[in-house]
C-alpha atoms as a PDB file:
ATOM      1  CA  MET A   1     -75.938  45.471  33.088  1.00  0.00           C
ATOM      2  CA  PHE A   2     -74.484  45.342  36.749  1.00  0.00           C
ATOM      3  CA  THR A   3     -75.744  46.424  40.160  1.00  0.00           C
ATOM      4  CA  GLY A   4     -73.146  47.928  41.904  1.00  0.00           C
ATOM      5  CA  ILE A   5     -73.058  45.401  44.493  1.00  0.00           C
ATOM      6  CA  VAL A   6     -69.521  43.497  44.455  1.00  0.00           C
ATOM      7  CA  THR A   7     -68.985  40.335  45.277  1.00  0.00           C
ATOM      8  CA  ALA A   8     -65.763  39.875  45.763  1.00  0.00           C
ATOM      9  CA  VAL A   9     -62.339  41.153  45.245  1.00  0.00           C
ATOM     10  CA  GLY A  10     -59.545  40.058  43.105  1.00  0.00           C
ATOM     11  CA  GLU A  11     -56.233  41.037  42.334  1.00  0.00           C
ATOM     12  CA  VAL A  12     -54.538  41.912  39.196  1.00  0.00           C
ATOM     13  CA  ALA A  13     -51.355  39.654  39.134  1.00  0.00           C
ATOM     14  CA  SER A  14     -49.600  41.059  35.667  1.00  0.00           C
ATOM     15  CA  VAL A  15     -50.098  43.755  32.714  1.00  0.00           C
ATOM     16  CA  GLU A  16     -49.514  42.620  29.558  1.00  0.00           C
ATOM     17  CA  ALA A  17     -49.017  44.880  26.653  1.00  0.00           C
ATOM     18  CA  VAL A  18     -50.165  43.951  23.625  1.00  0.00           C
ATOM     19  CA  ARG A  19     -50.036  46.241  20.964  1.00  0.00           C
ATOM     20  CA  ASP A  20     -53.285  48.344  21.773  1.00  0.00           C
ATOM     21  CA  ILE A  21     -54.604  46.805  24.583  1.00  0.00           C
ATOM     22  CA  ARG A  22     -53.003  45.828  27.993  1.00  0.00           C
ATOM     23  CA  ARG A  23     -53.662  41.738  28.837  1.00  0.00           C
ATOM     24  CA  ILE A  24     -54.730  42.159  32.732  1.00  0.00           C
ATOM     25  CA  ALA A  25     -55.210  38.949  34.447  1.00  0.00           C
ATOM     26  CA  ILE A  26     -56.596  39.651  37.651  1.00  0.00           C
ATOM     27  CA  ALA A  27     -56.446  36.787  40.840  1.00  0.00           C
ATOM     28  CA  THR A  28     -59.648  35.463  42.806  1.00  0.00           C
ATOM     29  CA  ALA A  29     -58.968  33.819  46.489  1.00  0.00           C
ATOM     30  CA  GLU A  30     -61.674  31.295  45.154  1.00  0.00           C
ATOM     31  CA  PRO A  31     -62.984  29.864  41.704  1.00  0.00           C
ATOM     32  CA  VAL A  32     -64.521  31.876  38.865  1.00  0.00           C
ATOM     33  CA  ASP A  33     -67.896  31.320  37.490  1.00  0.00           C
ATOM     34  CA  ALA A  34     -67.821  33.277  34.423  1.00  0.00           C
ATOM     35  CA  ALA A  35     -67.523  32.321  31.131  1.00  0.00           C
ATOM     36  CA  LEU A  36     -65.105  32.796  28.440  1.00  0.00           C
ATOM     37  CA  GLY A  37     -66.775  36.053  26.819  1.00  0.00           C
ATOM     38  CA  ALA A  38     -69.019  36.789  29.824  1.00  0.00           C
ATOM     39  CA  SER A  39     -68.993  39.967  31.416  1.00  0.00           C
ATOM     40  CA  ILE A  40     -67.952  41.098  34.725  1.00  0.00           C
ATOM     41  CA  SER A  41     -67.429  44.015  36.717  1.00  0.00           C
ATOM     42  CA  CYS A  42     -63.276  45.623  37.480  1.00  0.00           C
ATOM     43  CA  SER A  43     -63.931  48.041  40.009  1.00  0.00           C
ATOM     44  CA  GLY A  44     -66.657  49.544  37.706  1.00  0.00           C
ATOM     45  CA  VAL A  45     -65.977  48.614  34.781  1.00  0.00           C
ATOM     46  CA  CYS A  46     -67.374  46.174  32.151  1.00  0.00           C
ATOM     47  CA  LEU A  47     -64.932  44.154  30.747  1.00  0.00           C
ATOM     48  CA  THR A  48     -65.210  40.796  29.051  1.00  0.00           C
ATOM     49  CA  VAL A  49     -63.045  37.103  30.140  1.00  0.00           C
ATOM     50  CA  THR A  50     -60.712  36.232  27.582  1.00  0.00           C
ATOM     51  CA  GLY A  51     -58.891  33.232  29.541  1.00  0.00           C
ATOM     52  CA  HIS A  52     -58.613  31.704  33.578  1.00  0.00           C
ATOM     53  CA  LEU A  53     -56.122  31.903  35.364  1.00  0.00           C
ATOM     54  CA  PRO A  54     -54.259  28.011  36.809  1.00  0.00           C
ATOM     55  CA  ALA A  55     -57.347  25.997  38.586  1.00  0.00           C
ATOM     56  CA  ASN A  56     -60.114  28.138  37.704  1.00  0.00           C
ATOM     57  CA  ARG A  57     -58.589  31.225  40.651  1.00  0.00           C
ATOM     58  CA  GLY A  58     -59.414  34.571  38.403  1.00  0.00           C
ATOM     59  CA  PHE A  59     -58.971  34.779  34.610  1.00  0.00           C
ATOM     60  CA  THR A  60     -57.996  37.892  31.889  1.00  0.00           C
ATOM     61  CA  VAL A  61     -59.582  40.884  30.485  1.00  0.00           C
ATOM     62  CA  ASP A  62     -57.733  42.901  28.201  1.00  0.00           C
ATOM     63  CA  VAL A  63     -58.348  46.856  28.054  1.00  0.00           C
ATOM     64  CA  GLY A  64     -58.160  48.557  24.888  1.00  0.00           C
ATOM     65  CA  PRO A  65     -57.224  52.179  23.843  1.00  0.00           C
ATOM     66  CA  GLU A  66     -60.898  53.918  25.252  1.00  0.00           C
ATOM     67  CA  THR A  67     -60.841  51.743  28.576  1.00  0.00           C
ATOM     68  CA  LEU A  68     -57.965  53.016  29.480  1.00  0.00           C
ATOM     69  CA  ARG A  69     -58.111  56.841  28.634  1.00  0.00           C
ATOM     70  CA  VAL A  70     -61.272  57.504  30.398  1.00  0.00           C
ATOM     71  CA  THR A  71     -60.876  54.361  33.492  1.00  0.00           C
ATOM     72  CA  THR A  72     -58.403  54.058  36.009  1.00  0.00           C
ATOM     73  CA  ALA A  73     -57.750  50.673  34.257  1.00  0.00           C
ATOM     74  CA  GLY A  74     -54.504  52.355  32.349  1.00  0.00           C
ATOM     75  CA  ASP A  75     -52.884  52.728  36.629  1.00  0.00           C
ATOM     76  CA  TRP A  76     -53.391  49.003  38.016  1.00  0.00           C
ATOM     77  CA  ARG A  77     -50.459  46.911  38.533  1.00  0.00           C
ATOM     78  CA  ALA A  78     -49.428  44.022  39.582  1.00  0.00           C
ATOM     79  CA  GLY A  79     -51.356  43.797  43.344  1.00  0.00           C
ATOM     80  CA  THR A  80     -53.924  46.790  42.396  1.00  0.00           C
ATOM     81  CA  ARG A  81     -56.661  44.939  44.580  1.00  0.00           C
ATOM     82  CA  ILE A  82     -60.285  45.535  42.600  1.00  0.00           C
ATOM     83  CA  ASN A  83     -64.392  45.777  42.916  1.00  0.00           C
ATOM     84  CA  LEU A  84     -65.748  42.518  41.134  1.00  0.00           C
ATOM     85  CA  GLU A  85     -68.816  41.829  40.125  1.00  0.00           C
ATOM     86  CA  ARG A  86     -70.516  39.065  36.900  1.00  0.00           C
ATOM     87  CA  SER A  87     -73.299  40.228  35.212  1.00  0.00           C
ATOM     88  CA  LEU A  88     -77.231  40.550  36.152  1.00  0.00           C
ATOM     89  CA  ARG A  89     -79.411  37.548  36.139  1.00  0.00           C
ATOM     90  CA  MET A  90     -83.046  37.813  35.375  1.00  0.00           C
ATOM     91  CA  GLY A  91     -84.477  37.486  38.245  1.00  0.00           C
ATOM     92  CA  ASP A  92     -82.189  38.293  40.052  1.00  0.00           C
ATOM     93  CA  GLU A  93     -82.225  40.676  43.279  1.00  0.00           C
ATOM     94  CA  LEU A  94     -81.675  44.609  42.649  1.00  0.00           C
ATOM     95  CA  GLY A  95     -79.880  45.440  45.545  1.00  0.00           C
ATOM     96  CA  GLY A  96     -78.044  48.055  44.445  1.00  0.00           C
ATOM     97  CA  HIS A  97     -78.812  50.019  40.935  1.00  0.00           C
ATOM     98  CA  LEU A  98     -79.089  49.403  37.787  1.00  0.00           C
ATOM     99  CA  VAL A  99     -74.894  49.721  37.006  1.00  0.00           C
ATOM    100  CA  SER A 100     -73.762  49.345  32.849  1.00  0.00           C
ATOM    101  CA  GLY A 101     -70.347  49.075  33.451  1.00  0.00           C
ATOM    102  CA  HIS A 102     -69.251  52.054  30.947  1.00  0.00           C
ATOM    103  CA  VAL A 103     -67.657  54.463  32.926  1.00  0.00           C
ATOM    104  CA  ASP A 104     -68.230  58.032  32.142  1.00  0.00           C
ATOM    105  CA  GLY A 105     -65.167  59.479  34.182  1.00  0.00           C
ATOM    106  CA  VAL A 106     -62.730  59.657  37.261  1.00  0.00           C
ATOM    107  CA  ALA A 107     -63.508  60.985  40.120  1.00  0.00           C
ATOM    108  CA  THR A 108     -60.573  61.861  43.032  1.00  0.00           C
ATOM    109  CA  ILE A 109     -61.149  61.626  46.499  1.00  0.00           C
ATOM    110  CA  THR A 110     -60.654  64.173  48.609  1.00  0.00           C
ATOM    111  CA  ASP A 111     -61.179  63.884  51.416  1.00  0.00           C
ATOM    112  CA  ARG A 112     -61.682  60.974  54.216  1.00  0.00           C
ATOM    113  CA  VAL A 113     -62.906  60.425  57.994  1.00  0.00           C
ATOM    114  CA  ASP A 114     -62.953  57.633  59.340  1.00  0.00           C
ATOM    115  CA  HIS A 115     -66.143  57.468  62.375  1.00  0.00           C
ATOM    116  CA  GLY A 116     -65.310  54.735  63.798  1.00  0.00           C
ATOM    117  CA  GLU A 117     -66.372  51.180  61.990  1.00  0.00           C
ATOM    118  CA  THR A 118     -67.968  53.543  59.096  1.00  0.00           C
ATOM    119  CA  VAL A 119     -66.002  56.426  56.630  1.00  0.00           C
ATOM    120  CA  ALA A 120     -66.921  59.887  55.087  1.00  0.00           C
ATOM    121  CA  PHE A 121     -65.366  60.290  51.859  1.00  0.00           C
ATOM    122  CA  THR A 122     -65.043  63.299  49.731  1.00  0.00           C
ATOM    123  CA  PHE A 123     -64.551  62.802  46.073  1.00  0.00           C
ATOM    124  CA  ALA A 124     -64.161  66.171  42.772  1.00  0.00           C
ATOM    125  CA  ALA A 125     -66.443  64.854  39.746  1.00  0.00           C
ATOM    126  CA  PRO A 126     -65.251  65.873  36.655  1.00  0.00           C
ATOM    127  CA  PRO A 127     -67.555  69.750  35.651  1.00  0.00           C
ATOM    128  CA  ASP A 128     -69.522  67.599  33.071  1.00  0.00           C
ATOM    129  CA  LEU A 129     -70.455  65.212  35.389  1.00  0.00           C
ATOM    130  CA  ALA A 130     -71.039  66.936  38.685  1.00  0.00           C
ATOM    131  CA  ARG A 131     -75.053  68.426  36.954  1.00  0.00           C
ATOM    132  CA  PHE A 132     -75.556  64.456  37.073  1.00  0.00           C
ATOM    133  CA  VAL A 133     -74.866  63.916  40.157  1.00  0.00           C
ATOM    134  CA  ALA A 134     -77.190  64.966  43.382  1.00  0.00           C
ATOM    135  CA  VAL A 135     -78.330  64.257  46.740  1.00  0.00           C
ATOM    136  CA  LYS A 136     -79.541  61.163  48.207  1.00  0.00           C
ATOM    137  CA  GLY A 137     -78.927  59.976  44.352  1.00  0.00           C
ATOM    138  CA  SER A 138     -76.756  56.880  43.564  1.00  0.00           C
ATOM    139  CA  VAL A 139     -73.529  57.162  41.917  1.00  0.00           C
ATOM    140  CA  ALA A 140     -71.675  53.212  41.550  1.00  0.00           C
ATOM    141  CA  LEU A 141     -67.628  54.053  42.134  1.00  0.00           C
ATOM    142  CA  ASP A 142     -64.967  50.998  41.441  1.00  0.00           C
ATOM    143  CA  GLY A 143     -68.395  49.553  40.245  1.00  0.00           C
ATOM    144  CA  THR A 144     -69.436  50.261  44.775  1.00  0.00           C
ATOM    145  CA  SER A 145     -72.991  51.438  44.088  1.00  0.00           C
ATOM    146  CA  LEU A 146     -72.931  54.456  46.375  1.00  0.00           C
ATOM    147  CA  THR A 147     -75.794  56.833  47.550  1.00  0.00           C
ATOM    148  CA  VAL A 148     -74.640  60.206  47.600  1.00  0.00           C
ATOM    149  CA  ASN A 149     -74.972  62.104  51.680  1.00  0.00           C
ATOM    150  CA  THR A 150     -74.141  65.990  49.936  1.00  0.00           C
ATOM    151  CA  VAL A 151     -73.241  67.619  47.471  1.00  0.00           C
ATOM    152  CA  GLU A 152     -71.535  71.113  46.471  1.00  0.00           C
ATOM    153  CA  GLY A 153     -70.549  72.387  43.095  1.00  0.00           C
ATOM    154  CA  ALA A 154     -68.274  69.601  41.736  1.00  0.00           C
ATOM    155  CA  GLY A 155     -67.677  67.589  45.198  1.00  0.00           C
ATOM    156  CA  PHE A 156     -69.803  65.409  47.100  1.00  0.00           C
ATOM    157  CA  SER A 157     -69.362  63.100  49.642  1.00  0.00           C
ATOM    158  CA  CYS A 158     -71.074  59.108  50.877  1.00  0.00           C
ATOM    159  CA  HIS A 159     -70.754  57.990  53.264  1.00  0.00           C
ATOM    160  CA  LEU A 160     -69.837  54.330  54.266  1.00  0.00           C
ATOM    161  CA  ILE A 161     -70.659  51.625  55.943  1.00  0.00           C
ATOM    162  CA  PRO A 162     -69.167  48.745  57.599  1.00  0.00           C
ATOM    163  CA  HIS A 163     -69.763  45.504  55.965  1.00  0.00           C
ATOM    164  CA  THR A 164     -69.408  47.828  52.394  1.00  0.00           C
ATOM    165  CA  LEU A 165     -65.537  48.062  54.091  1.00  0.00           C
ATOM    166  CA  ALA A 166     -64.788  45.044  54.956  1.00  0.00           C
ATOM    167  CA  VAL A 167     -66.220  43.979  51.212  1.00  0.00           C
ATOM    168  CA  THR A 168     -64.732  45.752  48.735  1.00  0.00           C
ATOM    169  CA  ASN A 169     -61.443  47.650  48.847  1.00  0.00           C
ATOM    170  CA  TRP A 170     -62.428  50.577  49.818  1.00  0.00           C
ATOM    171  CA  GLY A 171     -60.652  50.265  53.106  1.00  0.00           C
ATOM    172  CA  ASP A 172     -57.657  50.797  51.786  1.00  0.00           C
ATOM    173  CA  ARG A 173     -58.687  54.188  49.499  1.00  0.00           C
ATOM    174  CA  ARG A 174     -57.071  57.338  50.318  1.00  0.00           C
ATOM    175  CA  ILE A 175     -57.113  61.361  49.230  1.00  0.00           C
ATOM    176  CA  GLY A 176     -55.776  61.465  45.994  1.00  0.00           C
ATOM    177  CA  ASP A 177     -56.914  58.525  45.377  1.00  0.00           C
ATOM    178  CA  ARG A 178     -58.951  58.050  41.480  1.00  0.00           C
ATOM    179  CA  VAL A 179     -61.917  56.422  41.517  1.00  0.00           C
ATOM    180  CA  ASN A 180     -64.615  55.234  38.618  1.00  0.00           C
ATOM    181  CA  LEU A 181     -66.809  57.026  38.850  1.00  0.00           C
ATOM    182  CA  GLU A 182     -70.430  55.868  36.692  1.00  0.00           C
ATOM    183  CA  VAL A 183     -73.661  58.368  36.864  1.00  0.00           C
ATOM    184  CA  ASP A 184     -76.799  56.919  37.364  1.00  0.00           C
ATOM    185  CA  VAL A 185     -78.467  56.493  34.346  1.00  0.00           C
ATOM    186  CA  MET A 186     -81.199  58.748  35.362  1.00  0.00           C
ATOM    187  CA  ALA A 187     -80.118  61.518  35.947  1.00  0.00           C
ATOM    188  CA  ARG A 188     -78.307  61.781  31.849  1.00  0.00           C
ATOM    189  CA  TYR A 189     -81.617  60.626  31.091  1.00  0.00           C
ATOM    190  CA  ALA A 190     -83.807  63.609  32.955  1.00  0.00           C
ATOM    191  CA  ALA A 191     -80.931  66.152  32.171  1.00  0.00           C
ATOM    192  CA  ARG A 192     -81.009  64.874  28.715  1.00  0.00           C
ATOM    193  CA  LEU A 193     -85.338  65.818  28.208  1.00  0.00           C
ATOM    194  CA  ALA A 194     -85.118  68.299  30.486  1.00  0.00           C
ATOM    195  CA  GLU A 195     -82.394  69.969  27.579  1.00  0.00           C
ATOM    196  CA  ARG A 196     -85.306  69.799  24.983  1.00  0.00           C
ATOM    197  CA  VAL A 197     -87.340  71.152  27.251  1.00  0.00           C
END
């Protein structure tokens, strides 16, 4: 489990096809405190650390076919900036919301409006996921816990503050970019329960 509070931004150093998986090396500015086998959120995708880069300044992950199919990981190339978060430890502060790292689908940025130091993004969600997105609810987008400001059909918006823009890859985001979307687990369970009533 994660919280959607990004703690570092890494950069894809290399992508290697190994049979039906992709082995991706992600470089970091600081040494990585993650043992082999540890879970780490890479732009919202829960992946397993399979190796370390020299001086422990990065790590490798293996990405399987299903993950490549339902996330943006298949788009990652050398130079792609990746939001990183280590898994939640018991007793840690839950600063965002509960995030599993199991991406539900991919949303597309349809608008970006810069308001001085803040930025408002509008997204198009896949139609089957749009019903789980609610005003004032939480979503995880590229591993970042965000509050939904508006909803209109399958579209929704989030407003990012300067701190979020500074410590994540969101400052780089443009119209047309695809982002990993994980809906709030509470919304998913509430919808499932409503089906039974």
